[in-house]
Protein backbone atom coordinates (compact mmCIF):
# COMPACT_ATOMS: atom_id res chain seq x y z
CA MET A 1 60.43 -48.36 -4.38
CA ALA A 2 56.73 -47.89 -3.99
CA GLY A 3 54.04 -48.75 -6.53
CA ASN A 4 55.10 -48.59 -10.17
CA LEU A 5 58.39 -46.78 -9.50
CA VAL A 6 61.53 -48.50 -10.75
CA GLU A 7 64.81 -48.23 -8.86
CA PHE A 8 67.53 -47.45 -11.37
CA THR A 9 71.15 -48.25 -10.53
CA ASP A 10 74.51 -48.10 -12.27
CA ALA A 11 74.15 -51.87 -12.75
CA ASN A 12 70.67 -51.92 -14.35
CA PHE A 13 70.67 -48.57 -16.20
CA LYS A 14 71.53 -50.00 -19.62
CA THR A 15 68.85 -52.70 -19.42
CA GLU A 16 66.13 -50.63 -17.75
CA VAL A 17 66.67 -47.28 -19.51
CA LEU A 18 68.89 -47.40 -22.58
CA ASP A 19 67.51 -50.68 -23.98
CA CYS A 20 63.87 -49.66 -23.35
CA GLN A 21 61.88 -48.48 -26.38
CA ASP A 22 59.19 -46.82 -24.25
CA PRO A 23 59.70 -43.37 -22.73
CA VAL A 24 61.70 -43.54 -19.49
CA LEU A 25 61.77 -40.78 -16.88
CA VAL A 26 64.73 -40.94 -14.49
CA ASP A 27 64.67 -38.86 -11.31
CA PHE A 28 68.23 -38.35 -10.03
CA TRP A 29 67.94 -37.66 -6.30
CA ALA A 30 69.53 -38.10 -2.86
CA PRO A 31 67.91 -38.68 0.56
CA TRP A 32 69.38 -35.48 2.07
CA CYS A 33 68.01 -33.25 -0.74
CA GLY A 34 64.94 -31.27 0.33
CA PRO A 35 63.72 -30.42 -3.19
CA CYS A 36 64.18 -34.11 -4.13
CA ARG A 37 61.87 -35.12 -1.29
CA ALA A 38 59.41 -32.40 -2.33
CA ILE A 39 59.16 -33.65 -5.92
CA ALA A 40 59.01 -37.36 -4.94
CA PRO A 41 55.18 -37.50 -4.65
CA THR A 42 54.87 -36.02 -8.17
CA VAL A 43 57.21 -38.66 -9.58
CA GLU A 44 55.24 -41.40 -7.79
CA GLU A 45 51.95 -40.05 -9.19
CA LEU A 46 53.39 -40.02 -12.71
CA ALA A 47 54.59 -43.61 -12.28
CA ASN A 48 51.03 -44.63 -11.49
CA ASP A 49 49.45 -42.40 -14.15
CA TYR A 50 51.74 -43.71 -16.92
CA SER A 51 51.84 -47.37 -15.88
CA GLY A 52 52.05 -49.43 -19.09
CA LYS A 53 52.89 -46.35 -21.20
CA ALA A 54 56.21 -45.21 -19.75
CA LYS A 55 58.79 -46.40 -17.25
CA ILE A 56 59.37 -44.00 -14.37
CA GLY A 57 61.87 -44.36 -11.60
CA LYS A 58 64.56 -42.92 -9.40
CA MET A 59 68.33 -43.16 -9.13
CA ASN A 60 69.94 -42.39 -5.79
CA THR A 61 73.06 -40.36 -6.61
CA ASP A 62 74.63 -41.21 -3.23
CA ASP A 63 74.51 -44.94 -4.01
CA ASN A 64 75.33 -44.68 -7.72
CA ASN A 65 78.04 -42.40 -9.09
CA GLY A 66 78.80 -43.89 -12.51
CA ILE A 67 75.66 -42.95 -14.43
CA PRO A 68 75.14 -39.56 -12.72
CA SER A 69 78.74 -38.70 -13.57
CA GLU A 70 78.35 -39.93 -17.16
CA TYR A 71 75.26 -37.74 -17.61
CA ARG A 72 76.92 -34.80 -15.85
CA ILE A 73 74.38 -34.52 -13.07
CA THR A 74 75.63 -31.49 -11.13
CA GLY A 75 72.45 -30.49 -9.32
CA ILE A 76 69.55 -32.49 -7.96
CA PRO A 77 66.78 -33.11 -8.48
CA THR A 78 67.51 -33.63 -12.15
CA LEU A 79 64.89 -35.45 -14.21
CA ILE A 80 65.87 -36.80 -17.61
CA LEU A 81 63.39 -38.18 -20.13
CA PHE A 82 64.77 -40.87 -22.44
CA LYS A 83 63.23 -42.41 -25.55
CA ALA A 84 64.80 -45.40 -27.33
CA GLY A 85 67.97 -45.00 -25.27
CA ARG A 86 68.52 -41.33 -26.04
CA GLU A 87 68.15 -38.31 -23.78
CA VAL A 88 65.25 -36.20 -25.03
CA THR A 89 64.62 -33.64 -22.30
CA ARG A 90 66.27 -32.63 -19.04
CA PHE A 91 64.78 -30.71 -16.12
CA VAL A 92 66.89 -29.44 -13.21
CA GLY A 93 65.19 -28.40 -9.98
CA MET A 94 61.51 -28.36 -9.16
CA ILE A 95 59.14 -28.93 -12.07
CA GLN A 96 55.36 -29.01 -12.19
CA LYS A 97 53.61 -32.31 -12.79
CA ASN A 98 51.71 -30.98 -15.82
CA LYS A 99 54.97 -30.02 -17.59
CA LEU A 100 56.39 -33.51 -17.05
CA ALA A 101 53.10 -35.06 -18.18
CA LEU A 102 53.13 -32.93 -21.33
CA GLU A 103 56.58 -34.24 -22.26
CA LEU A 104 55.59 -37.84 -21.47
CA ASP A 105 52.44 -37.49 -23.60
CA ARG A 106 54.52 -36.15 -26.46
CA LEU A 107 56.71 -39.27 -26.43
CA ALA A 108 54.21 -41.97 -25.45
């Protein structure tokens, strides 16, 4: 992953997301998904903008099926914002950067 983006996997999800006290934004995506590729630059920008304030990363749903299944990810991109191990907000489909930033600011 580029820059400040974290690569979330089934194996590291508990440690990286659920055990983290800071806000965590998880982008569930797949390489073949056009909208996922379209939102990727926004997620990367947020990772840089919120470095040190929030953890932001991506989970490839083709390579990881446990966590996406557990969180009932049925459409991608799905972005879930966690705080202290709990799901706070979920966005499905394209979302504007300022709306994601507003939610991150609210939790940071």
